[in-house]
């Protein structure tokens, strides 16, 4: 496997998903301007799906691209985090119009973003194992497919997702988040 330039191995895959997120957000937020109600609804629906998929499932595209282009583990992790973090920063800036900077930064740690990080971590761990398995099929000296570095994020990410969804459908995690807000800002 040939190691490509930093731009090709990490920036391009991350930028592809980031651009999809930006386009999805712009189309979604401005679809109301479309004169036709049917076209407005269709645009909002499709762009909402693009926005959701790019934020929550971008690593399924970014991680394998970066892996097979020779990106290091740190480069792959950072490339996968670009879009969710950019989305969170956008949301922090959005709420900073109404709240203090401290409250806005706290908002950035909301349960939706934490759930997103759990999903991203699980995807990165799973993608690492799948990519290693795929690479092993084409090399004479195979490497272990399951390693602690791939298994731990996969298991912890899935456990985090399970905690958010199974623990009262996320209600209890949100209550804890609210209690943290009250303790810090009231």
N, C-alpha and C. Protein backbone atom coordinates (compact mmCIF):
# COMPACT_ATOMS: atom_id res chain seq x y z
N UNK A 1 0.85 -1.17 0.00
CA UNK A 1 0.00 0.00 0.00
C UNK A 1 0.90 1.24 0.00
N UNK A 2 0.71 2.07 -0.97
CA UNK A 2 1.52 3.27 -1.13
C UNK A 2 0.98 4.40 -0.27
N UNK A 3 1.88 5.06 0.43
CA UNK A 3 1.47 6.20 1.26
C UNK A 3 1.42 7.44 0.38
N UNK A 4 0.24 8.06 0.32
CA UNK A 4 0.05 9.23 -0.51
C UNK A 4 0.32 10.50 0.30
N UNK A 5 0.24 11.64 -0.34
CA UNK A 5 0.48 12.91 0.35
C UNK A 5 -0.57 13.12 1.43
N UNK A 6 -0.26 13.94 2.42
CA UNK A 6 -1.18 14.22 3.53
C UNK A 6 -2.53 14.72 3.01
N UNK A 7 -2.49 15.58 2.00
CA UNK A 7 -3.73 16.12 1.45
C UNK A 7 -4.58 15.01 0.88
N UNK A 8 -3.97 14.11 0.09
CA UNK A 8 -4.75 13.02 -0.53
C UNK A 8 -5.20 11.99 0.50
N UNK A 9 -4.36 11.70 1.49
CA UNK A 9 -4.70 10.60 2.40
C UNK A 9 -5.64 11.02 3.52
N UNK A 10 -5.66 12.29 3.93
CA UNK A 10 -6.50 12.68 5.06
C UNK A 10 -7.42 13.87 4.75
N UNK A 11 -6.89 14.89 4.08
CA UNK A 11 -7.67 16.11 3.86
C UNK A 11 -8.80 15.88 2.86
N UNK A 12 -8.50 15.23 1.75
CA UNK A 12 -9.52 15.05 0.71
C UNK A 12 -10.71 14.22 1.22
N UNK A 13 -10.49 13.07 1.87
CA UNK A 13 -11.66 12.34 2.38
C UNK A 13 -12.47 13.14 3.41
N UNK A 14 -11.77 13.83 4.31
CA UNK A 14 -12.48 14.64 5.32
C UNK A 14 -13.21 15.80 4.67
N UNK A 15 -12.58 16.45 3.70
CA UNK A 15 -13.19 17.61 3.03
C UNK A 15 -14.41 17.19 2.22
N UNK A 16 -14.38 16.00 1.64
CA UNK A 16 -15.52 15.51 0.86
C UNK A 16 -16.78 15.44 1.72
N UNK A 17 -16.65 14.86 2.91
CA UNK A 17 -17.79 14.73 3.81
C UNK A 17 -18.17 16.09 4.39
N UNK A 18 -17.17 16.92 4.69
CA UNK A 18 -17.46 18.26 5.22
C UNK A 18 -18.23 19.08 4.20
N UNK A 19 -17.84 19.01 2.94
CA UNK A 19 -18.55 19.75 1.88
C UNK A 19 -19.98 19.24 1.74
N UNK A 20 -20.17 17.92 1.85
CA UNK A 20 -21.53 17.37 1.81
C UNK A 20 -22.37 17.91 2.96
N UNK A 21 -21.76 18.01 4.16
CA UNK A 21 -22.48 18.54 5.32
C UNK A 21 -22.85 20.01 5.09
N UNK A 22 -21.90 20.79 4.61
CA UNK A 22 -22.16 22.22 4.37
C UNK A 22 -23.25 22.40 3.33
N UNK A 23 -23.16 21.64 2.23
CA UNK A 23 -24.19 21.74 1.19
C UNK A 23 -25.55 21.31 1.73
N UNK A 24 -25.57 20.22 2.49
CA UNK A 24 -26.83 19.76 3.09
C UNK A 24 -27.43 20.79 4.01
N UNK A 25 -26.58 21.43 4.83
CA UNK A 25 -27.07 22.45 5.77
C UNK A 25 -27.61 23.67 5.04
N UNK A 26 -26.88 24.12 4.03
CA UNK A 26 -27.34 25.30 3.27
C UNK A 26 -28.66 25.01 2.58
N UNK A 27 -28.74 23.87 1.90
CA UNK A 27 -29.99 23.53 1.20
C UNK A 27 -31.14 23.34 2.19
N UNK A 28 -30.87 22.68 3.30
CA UNK A 28 -31.93 22.44 4.28
C UNK A 28 -32.43 23.76 4.87
N UNK A 29 -31.51 24.62 5.26
CA UNK A 29 -31.90 25.87 5.91
C UNK A 29 -32.53 26.88 4.97
N UNK A 30 -32.30 26.74 3.68
CA UNK A 30 -32.85 27.71 2.73
C UNK A 30 -33.89 27.10 1.79
N UNK A 31 -34.28 25.86 2.04
CA UNK A 31 -35.27 25.22 1.16
C UNK A 31 -36.63 25.90 1.22
N UNK A 32 -36.90 26.61 2.31
CA UNK A 32 -38.18 27.31 2.43
C UNK A 32 -38.33 28.40 1.37
N UNK A 33 -37.23 28.83 0.80
CA UNK A 33 -37.27 29.88 -0.22
C UNK A 33 -37.77 29.38 -1.58
N UNK A 34 -37.81 28.07 -1.76
CA UNK A 34 -38.26 27.51 -3.03
C UNK A 34 -39.76 27.73 -3.16
N UNK A 35 -40.18 28.23 -4.30
CA UNK A 35 -41.58 28.60 -4.51
C UNK A 35 -42.53 27.42 -4.51
N UNK A 36 -42.14 26.31 -5.04
CA UNK A 36 -42.99 25.14 -5.12
C UNK A 36 -42.96 24.38 -3.79
N UNK A 37 -44.14 24.13 -3.22
CA UNK A 37 -44.20 23.43 -1.94
C UNK A 37 -43.64 22.01 -2.06
N UNK A 38 -43.95 21.33 -3.15
CA UNK A 38 -43.46 19.97 -3.35
C UNK A 38 -41.94 19.96 -3.46
N UNK A 39 -41.39 20.87 -4.25
CA UNK A 39 -39.94 20.95 -4.41
C UNK A 39 -39.27 21.37 -3.10
N UNK A 40 -39.90 22.27 -2.37
CA UNK A 40 -39.38 22.68 -1.06
C UNK A 40 -39.29 21.48 -0.13
N UNK A 41 -40.37 20.70 -0.03
CA UNK A 41 -40.38 19.54 0.86
C UNK A 41 -39.37 18.49 0.42
N UNK A 42 -39.28 18.25 -0.88
CA UNK A 42 -38.33 17.27 -1.40
C UNK A 42 -36.89 17.70 -1.12
N UNK A 43 -36.60 18.98 -1.35
CA UNK A 43 -35.25 19.51 -1.09
C UNK A 43 -34.91 19.41 0.39
N UNK A 44 -35.85 19.79 1.24
CA UNK A 44 -35.61 19.72 2.68
C UNK A 44 -35.38 18.28 3.12
N UNK A 45 -36.16 17.37 2.60
CA UNK A 45 -36.05 15.96 2.96
C UNK A 45 -34.69 15.39 2.55
N UNK A 46 -34.33 15.57 1.29
CA UNK A 46 -33.07 15.01 0.77
C UNK A 46 -31.86 15.67 1.44
N UNK A 47 -31.90 17.00 1.56
CA UNK A 47 -30.76 17.69 2.17
C UNK A 47 -30.65 17.37 3.66
N UNK A 48 -31.78 17.12 4.32
CA UNK A 48 -31.74 16.70 5.72
C UNK A 48 -31.08 15.34 5.88
N UNK A 49 -31.36 14.44 4.96
CA UNK A 49 -30.72 13.13 4.99
C UNK A 49 -29.22 13.26 4.74
N UNK A 50 -28.83 14.09 3.77
CA UNK A 50 -27.41 14.32 3.49
C UNK A 50 -26.72 14.90 4.72
N UNK A 51 -27.36 15.85 5.37
CA UNK A 51 -26.81 16.47 6.58
C UNK A 51 -26.63 15.43 7.68
N UNK A 52 -27.65 14.64 7.94
CA UNK A 52 -27.62 13.62 8.98
C UNK A 52 -26.54 12.57 8.70
N UNK A 53 -26.51 12.07 7.49
CA UNK A 53 -25.55 11.02 7.13
C UNK A 53 -24.12 11.54 7.18
N UNK A 54 -23.90 12.75 6.69
CA UNK A 54 -22.53 13.27 6.68
C UNK A 54 -22.01 13.50 8.10
N UNK A 55 -22.87 13.95 9.00
CA UNK A 55 -22.44 14.19 10.38
C UNK A 55 -22.26 12.88 11.14
N UNK A 56 -23.22 12.00 11.05
CA UNK A 56 -23.20 10.79 11.86
C UNK A 56 -22.51 9.59 11.27
N UNK A 57 -22.43 9.52 9.95
CA UNK A 57 -21.90 8.32 9.32
C UNK A 57 -20.76 8.60 8.35
N UNK A 58 -20.20 9.79 8.39
CA UNK A 58 -19.06 10.15 7.55
C UNK A 58 -17.87 9.23 7.69
N UNK A 59 -17.59 8.73 8.91
CA UNK A 59 -16.43 7.83 9.05
C UNK A 59 -16.51 6.57 8.20
N UNK A 60 -17.70 6.15 7.83
CA UNK A 60 -17.81 4.96 6.98
C UNK A 60 -17.21 5.21 5.59
N UNK A 61 -17.11 6.47 5.20
CA UNK A 61 -16.44 6.85 3.95
C UNK A 61 -15.00 7.29 4.22
N UNK A 62 -14.82 8.17 5.21
CA UNK A 62 -13.52 8.79 5.46
C UNK A 62 -12.48 7.77 5.92
N UNK A 63 -12.83 6.93 6.87
CA UNK A 63 -11.85 6.03 7.46
C UNK A 63 -11.23 5.07 6.44
N UNK A 64 -12.05 4.34 5.67
CA UNK A 64 -11.41 3.44 4.67
C UNK A 64 -10.59 4.19 3.63
N UNK A 65 -11.10 5.34 3.16
CA UNK A 65 -10.33 6.12 2.18
C UNK A 65 -8.97 6.49 2.75
N UNK A 66 -8.97 7.02 3.97
CA UNK A 66 -7.72 7.43 4.60
C UNK A 66 -6.81 6.22 4.88
N UNK A 67 -7.39 5.14 5.32
CA UNK A 67 -6.62 3.93 5.63
C UNK A 67 -5.88 3.43 4.41
N UNK A 68 -6.61 3.25 3.31
CA UNK A 68 -5.98 2.67 2.12
C UNK A 68 -5.11 3.66 1.36
N UNK A 69 -5.15 4.92 1.74
CA UNK A 69 -4.24 5.91 1.16
C UNK A 69 -3.00 6.10 2.03
N UNK A 70 -2.91 5.34 3.12
CA UNK A 70 -1.71 5.34 3.94
C UNK A 70 -1.71 6.31 5.10
N UNK A 71 -2.87 6.82 5.50
CA UNK A 71 -2.92 7.76 6.63
C UNK A 71 -2.59 7.03 7.93
N UNK A 72 -1.92 7.74 8.83
CA UNK A 72 -1.62 7.17 10.14
C UNK A 72 -2.92 7.08 10.95
N UNK A 73 -2.87 6.37 12.07
CA UNK A 73 -4.06 6.23 12.92
C UNK A 73 -4.55 7.60 13.38
N UNK A 74 -3.64 8.47 13.79
CA UNK A 74 -4.04 9.81 14.24
C UNK A 74 -4.68 10.60 13.10
N UNK A 75 -4.11 10.51 11.91
CA UNK A 75 -4.68 11.21 10.76
C UNK A 75 -6.08 10.70 10.44
N UNK A 76 -6.28 9.38 10.54
CA UNK A 76 -7.60 8.81 10.28
C UNK A 76 -8.61 9.28 11.31
N UNK A 77 -8.21 9.29 12.57
CA UNK A 77 -9.11 9.73 13.64
C UNK A 77 -9.49 11.19 13.46
N UNK A 78 -8.50 12.03 13.23
CA UNK A 78 -8.77 13.47 13.05
C UNK A 78 -9.63 13.73 11.81
N UNK A 79 -9.36 12.99 10.74
CA UNK A 79 -10.15 13.17 9.51
C UNK A 79 -11.61 12.80 9.76
N UNK A 80 -11.85 11.76 10.55
CA UNK A 80 -13.23 11.35 10.86
C UNK A 80 -13.94 12.33 11.77
N UNK A 81 -13.19 13.06 12.59
CA UNK A 81 -13.80 13.99 13.54
C UNK A 81 -14.06 15.38 12.95
N UNK A 82 -13.51 15.67 11.79
CA UNK A 82 -13.65 17.00 11.20
C UNK A 82 -15.11 17.42 11.07
N UNK A 83 -15.92 16.60 10.45
CA UNK A 83 -17.31 17.00 10.19
C UNK A 83 -18.15 17.09 11.46
N UNK A 84 -18.13 16.09 12.37
CA UNK A 84 -18.93 16.26 13.58
C UNK A 84 -18.49 17.46 14.42
N UNK A 85 -17.20 17.69 14.50
CA UNK A 85 -16.71 18.84 15.29
C UNK A 85 -17.08 20.15 14.61
N UNK A 86 -16.97 20.20 13.28
CA UNK A 86 -17.37 21.42 12.56
C UNK A 86 -18.86 21.70 12.78
N UNK A 87 -19.67 20.66 12.74
CA UNK A 87 -21.10 20.82 13.00
C UNK A 87 -21.34 21.33 14.42
N UNK A 88 -20.62 20.78 15.39
CA UNK A 88 -20.79 21.21 16.78
C UNK A 88 -20.35 22.66 16.97
N UNK A 89 -19.25 23.04 16.34
CA UNK A 89 -18.78 24.44 16.43
C UNK A 89 -19.82 25.38 15.82
N UNK A 90 -20.41 24.97 14.70
CA UNK A 90 -21.47 25.78 14.08
C UNK A 90 -22.64 25.94 15.04
N UNK A 91 -23.00 24.88 15.72
CA UNK A 91 -24.11 24.95 16.68
C UNK A 91 -23.75 25.82 17.89
N UNK A 92 -22.52 25.73 18.35
CA UNK A 92 -22.08 26.58 19.46
C UNK A 92 -22.17 28.05 19.06
N UNK A 93 -21.71 28.36 17.87
CA UNK A 93 -21.78 29.75 17.38
C UNK A 93 -23.23 30.20 17.23
N UNK A 94 -24.09 29.29 16.79
CA UNK A 94 -25.51 29.63 16.62
C UNK A 94 -26.16 29.99 17.95
N UNK A 95 -25.91 29.19 18.97
CA UNK A 95 -26.56 29.48 20.26
C UNK A 95 -25.87 30.61 21.01
N UNK A 96 -24.64 30.96 20.61
CA UNK A 96 -23.94 32.06 21.29
C UNK A 96 -24.61 33.41 21.02
N UNK A 97 -25.52 33.44 20.04
CA UNK A 97 -26.28 34.67 19.80
C UNK A 97 -27.25 34.95 20.94
N UNK A 98 -27.60 33.92 21.69
CA UNK A 98 -28.60 34.07 22.75
C UNK A 98 -28.05 33.81 24.15
N UNK A 99 -26.95 33.07 24.25
CA UNK A 99 -26.41 32.67 25.53
C UNK A 99 -24.98 33.18 25.69
N UNK A 100 -24.47 33.13 26.91
CA UNK A 100 -23.09 33.53 27.18
C UNK A 100 -22.15 32.51 26.52
N UNK A 101 -20.87 32.88 26.42
CA UNK A 101 -19.92 31.96 25.81
C UNK A 101 -19.77 30.69 26.64
N UNK A 102 -19.80 30.81 27.97
CA UNK A 102 -19.71 29.63 28.82
C UNK A 102 -20.88 28.68 28.58
N UNK A 103 -22.09 29.24 28.53
CA UNK A 103 -23.27 28.43 28.27
C UNK A 103 -23.23 27.82 26.86
N UNK A 104 -22.74 28.58 25.92
CA UNK A 104 -22.65 28.09 24.55
C UNK A 104 -21.66 26.93 24.44
N UNK A 105 -20.52 27.06 25.12
CA UNK A 105 -19.54 25.98 25.11
C UNK A 105 -20.11 24.74 25.80
N UNK A 106 -20.85 24.95 26.89
CA UNK A 106 -21.50 23.83 27.55
C UNK A 106 -22.51 23.16 26.62
N UNK A 107 -23.22 23.97 25.87
CA UNK A 107 -24.17 23.43 24.88
C UNK A 107 -23.45 22.51 23.91
N UNK A 108 -22.21 22.83 23.59
CA UNK A 108 -21.44 22.00 22.67
C UNK A 108 -21.22 20.59 23.17
N UNK A 109 -21.43 20.36 24.46
CA UNK A 109 -21.30 19.02 25.03
C UNK A 109 -22.66 18.36 25.23
N UNK A 110 -23.65 18.79 24.43
CA UNK A 110 -25.00 18.25 24.58
C UNK A 110 -25.04 16.76 24.24
N UNK A 111 -26.13 16.12 24.63
CA UNK A 111 -26.24 14.68 24.47
C UNK A 111 -26.25 14.24 23.01
N UNK A 112 -26.72 15.08 22.12
CA UNK A 112 -26.71 14.72 20.70
C UNK A 112 -25.28 14.65 20.19
N UNK A 113 -24.45 15.63 20.56
CA UNK A 113 -23.05 15.60 20.13
C UNK A 113 -22.31 14.43 20.76
N UNK A 114 -22.56 14.17 22.05
CA UNK A 114 -21.90 13.04 22.70
C UNK A 114 -22.32 11.71 22.08
N UNK A 115 -23.60 11.59 21.73
CA UNK A 115 -24.08 10.40 21.02
C UNK A 115 -23.37 10.28 19.67
N UNK A 116 -23.22 11.39 18.97
CA UNK A 116 -22.53 11.41 17.69
C UNK A 116 -21.09 10.93 17.85
N UNK A 117 -20.41 11.38 18.89
CA UNK A 117 -19.03 10.94 19.13
C UNK A 117 -18.96 9.44 19.41
N UNK A 118 -19.96 8.92 20.12
CA UNK A 118 -20.01 7.47 20.37
C UNK A 118 -20.19 6.70 19.06
N UNK A 119 -21.08 7.19 18.21
CA UNK A 119 -21.32 6.55 16.92
C UNK A 119 -20.05 6.60 16.07
N UNK A 120 -19.39 7.74 16.05
CA UNK A 120 -18.16 7.90 15.26
C UNK A 120 -17.06 6.98 15.79
N UNK A 121 -16.90 6.90 17.11
CA UNK A 121 -15.88 6.02 17.70
C UNK A 121 -16.15 4.56 17.32
N UNK A 122 -17.40 4.14 17.43
CA UNK A 122 -17.75 2.77 17.08
C UNK A 122 -17.44 2.49 15.60
N UNK A 123 -17.79 3.44 14.74
CA UNK A 123 -17.54 3.26 13.31
C UNK A 123 -16.04 3.18 13.02
N UNK A 124 -15.25 4.01 13.69
CA UNK A 124 -13.80 3.97 13.45
C UNK A 124 -13.21 2.64 13.87
N UNK A 125 -13.62 2.12 15.03
CA UNK A 125 -13.12 0.82 15.48
C UNK A 125 -13.51 -0.30 14.53
N UNK A 126 -14.77 -0.29 14.10
CA UNK A 126 -15.25 -1.31 13.17
C UNK A 126 -14.55 -1.17 11.82
N UNK A 127 -14.43 0.05 11.34
CA UNK A 127 -13.74 0.27 10.05
C UNK A 127 -12.29 -0.19 10.10
N UNK A 128 -11.63 0.03 11.23
CA UNK A 128 -10.23 -0.42 11.37
C UNK A 128 -10.14 -1.93 11.18
N UNK A 129 -11.05 -2.65 11.82
CA UNK A 129 -11.03 -4.11 11.70
C UNK A 129 -11.35 -4.56 10.28
N UNK A 130 -12.34 -3.96 9.66
CA UNK A 130 -12.72 -4.31 8.29
C UNK A 130 -11.59 -3.99 7.32
N UNK A 131 -10.97 -2.82 7.48
CA UNK A 131 -9.88 -2.43 6.59
C UNK A 131 -8.68 -3.37 6.73
N UNK A 132 -8.36 -3.76 7.97
CA UNK A 132 -7.25 -4.70 8.18
C UNK A 132 -7.57 -6.05 7.53
N UNK A 133 -8.81 -6.50 7.69
CA UNK A 133 -9.22 -7.77 7.09
C UNK A 133 -9.11 -7.70 5.57
N UNK A 134 -9.56 -6.59 4.99
CA UNK A 134 -9.49 -6.43 3.53
C UNK A 134 -8.03 -6.36 3.05
N UNK A 135 -7.19 -5.65 3.80
CA UNK A 135 -5.77 -5.56 3.41
C UNK A 135 -5.09 -6.92 3.53
N UNK A 136 -5.45 -7.69 4.57
CA UNK A 136 -4.84 -9.01 4.77
C UNK A 136 -5.10 -9.95 3.60
N UNK A 137 -6.19 -9.76 2.90
CA UNK A 137 -6.51 -10.63 1.76
C UNK A 137 -5.52 -10.43 0.61
N UNK A 138 -4.81 -9.30 0.61
CA UNK A 138 -3.93 -8.96 -0.52
C UNK A 138 -2.45 -8.92 -0.16
N UNK A 139 -2.10 -9.30 1.06
CA UNK A 139 -0.69 -9.29 1.44
C UNK A 139 -0.28 -10.67 1.94
N UNK A 140 1.02 -10.96 1.86
CA UNK A 140 1.51 -12.29 2.26
C UNK A 140 1.78 -12.37 3.76
N UNK A 141 2.00 -11.24 4.42
CA UNK A 141 2.28 -11.22 5.85
C UNK A 141 1.14 -10.52 6.58
N UNK A 142 0.05 -11.25 6.90
CA UNK A 142 -1.13 -10.60 7.48
C UNK A 142 -0.86 -10.05 8.89
N UNK A 143 -1.61 -9.04 9.23
CA UNK A 143 -1.55 -8.42 10.56
C UNK A 143 -2.82 -8.82 11.31
N UNK A 144 -2.81 -8.74 12.64
CA UNK A 144 -4.03 -9.07 13.39
C UNK A 144 -5.17 -8.13 13.00
N UNK A 145 -6.34 -8.70 12.82
CA UNK A 145 -7.51 -7.90 12.45
C UNK A 145 -8.09 -7.21 13.67
N UNK A 146 -8.23 -7.95 14.75
CA UNK A 146 -8.80 -7.40 15.98
C UNK A 146 -7.65 -7.08 16.92
N UNK A 147 -7.53 -5.81 17.26
CA UNK A 147 -6.50 -5.34 18.20
C UNK A 147 -7.19 -4.50 19.26
N UNK A 148 -6.54 -4.27 20.38
CA UNK A 148 -7.15 -3.40 21.39
C UNK A 148 -7.46 -2.00 20.83
N UNK A 149 -6.60 -1.50 19.94
CA UNK A 149 -6.81 -0.17 19.37
C UNK A 149 -8.05 -0.10 18.48
N UNK A 150 -8.51 -1.22 17.97
CA UNK A 150 -9.73 -1.22 17.16
C UNK A 150 -10.94 -1.69 17.96
N UNK A 151 -10.71 -2.62 18.88
CA UNK A 151 -11.82 -3.19 19.64
C UNK A 151 -12.34 -2.22 20.71
N UNK A 152 -11.46 -1.52 21.39
CA UNK A 152 -11.87 -0.63 22.48
C UNK A 152 -12.80 0.49 21.99
N UNK A 153 -12.44 1.25 20.94
CA UNK A 153 -13.39 2.28 20.49
C UNK A 153 -14.70 1.70 19.97
N UNK A 154 -14.63 0.53 19.32
CA UNK A 154 -15.86 -0.09 18.81
C UNK A 154 -16.78 -0.46 19.97
N UNK A 155 -16.23 -1.11 20.98
CA UNK A 155 -17.05 -1.55 22.12
C UNK A 155 -17.52 -0.36 22.95
N UNK A 156 -16.62 0.57 23.26
CA UNK A 156 -17.03 1.74 24.06
C UNK A 156 -18.02 2.62 23.30
N UNK A 157 -17.81 2.77 22.00
CA UNK A 157 -18.75 3.56 21.20
C UNK A 157 -20.13 2.93 21.18
N UNK A 158 -20.18 1.62 20.95
CA UNK A 158 -21.47 0.93 20.95
C UNK A 158 -22.11 0.94 22.33
N UNK A 159 -21.29 0.82 23.38
CA UNK A 159 -21.82 0.90 24.75
C UNK A 159 -22.39 2.29 25.02
N UNK A 160 -21.71 3.32 24.52
CA UNK A 160 -22.23 4.68 24.68
C UNK A 160 -23.53 4.89 23.95
N UNK A 161 -23.62 4.37 22.74
CA UNK A 161 -24.87 4.45 21.97
C UNK A 161 -25.97 3.71 22.71
N UNK A 162 -25.65 2.52 23.19
CA UNK A 162 -26.63 1.74 23.94
C UNK A 162 -27.09 2.45 25.19
N UNK A 163 -26.16 3.10 25.88
CA UNK A 163 -26.52 3.84 27.09
C UNK A 163 -27.46 4.98 26.77
N UNK A 164 -27.16 5.73 25.71
CA UNK A 164 -28.03 6.85 25.34
C UNK A 164 -29.42 6.38 24.96
N UNK A 165 -29.50 5.28 24.19
CA UNK A 165 -30.80 4.83 23.70
C UNK A 165 -31.55 3.96 24.69
N UNK A 166 -30.83 3.08 25.38
CA UNK A 166 -31.50 2.14 26.27
C UNK A 166 -31.84 2.74 27.63
N UNK A 167 -31.10 3.72 28.05
CA UNK A 167 -31.33 4.32 29.36
C UNK A 167 -32.43 5.37 29.24
N UNK A 168 -33.63 4.91 29.15
CA UNK A 168 -34.79 5.81 29.06
C UNK A 168 -34.88 6.54 27.74
N UNK A 169 -34.36 5.97 26.68
CA UNK A 169 -34.44 6.62 25.38
C UNK A 169 -33.67 7.93 25.32
N UNK A 170 -32.66 8.08 26.16
CA UNK A 170 -31.86 9.30 26.17
C UNK A 170 -32.35 10.35 27.15
N UNK A 171 -33.52 10.11 27.73
CA UNK A 171 -34.11 11.10 28.65
C UNK A 171 -33.23 11.30 29.88
N UNK A 172 -32.74 10.21 30.47
CA UNK A 172 -31.94 10.32 31.69
C UNK A 172 -30.61 11.03 31.43
N UNK A 173 -30.00 10.76 30.28
CA UNK A 173 -28.75 11.45 29.93
C UNK A 173 -29.02 12.94 29.78
N UNK A 174 -30.16 13.29 29.20
CA UNK A 174 -30.50 14.70 29.06
C UNK A 174 -30.75 15.34 30.41
N UNK A 175 -31.38 14.62 31.33
CA UNK A 175 -31.59 15.16 32.68
C UNK A 175 -30.26 15.43 33.38
N UNK A 176 -29.31 14.52 33.22
CA UNK A 176 -27.97 14.76 33.79
C UNK A 176 -27.33 16.00 33.18
N UNK A 177 -27.51 16.14 31.87
CA UNK A 177 -26.99 17.31 31.17
C UNK A 177 -27.61 18.59 31.74
N UNK A 178 -28.91 18.57 31.96
CA UNK A 178 -29.62 19.73 32.54
C UNK A 178 -29.12 20.02 33.95
N UNK A 179 -28.89 18.99 34.75
CA UNK A 179 -28.39 19.21 36.10
C UNK A 179 -27.00 19.84 36.08
N UNK A 180 -26.18 19.42 35.13
CA UNK A 180 -24.86 20.04 34.96
C UNK A 180 -24.98 21.51 34.63
N UNK A 181 -25.93 21.83 33.74
CA UNK A 181 -26.18 23.22 33.38
C UNK A 181 -26.59 24.03 34.61
N UNK A 182 -27.53 23.50 35.38
CA UNK A 182 -27.99 24.22 36.57
C UNK A 182 -26.86 24.43 37.57
N UNK A 183 -26.03 23.40 37.75
CA UNK A 183 -24.91 23.51 38.69
C UNK A 183 -23.89 24.55 38.27
N UNK A 184 -23.70 24.70 36.97
CA UNK A 184 -22.69 25.62 36.47
C UNK A 184 -23.21 27.05 36.27
N UNK A 185 -24.46 27.20 35.87
CA UNK A 185 -24.91 28.50 35.41
C UNK A 185 -26.08 29.08 36.18
N UNK A 186 -26.61 28.42 37.17
CA UNK A 186 -27.75 29.00 37.90
C UNK A 186 -27.41 29.21 39.35
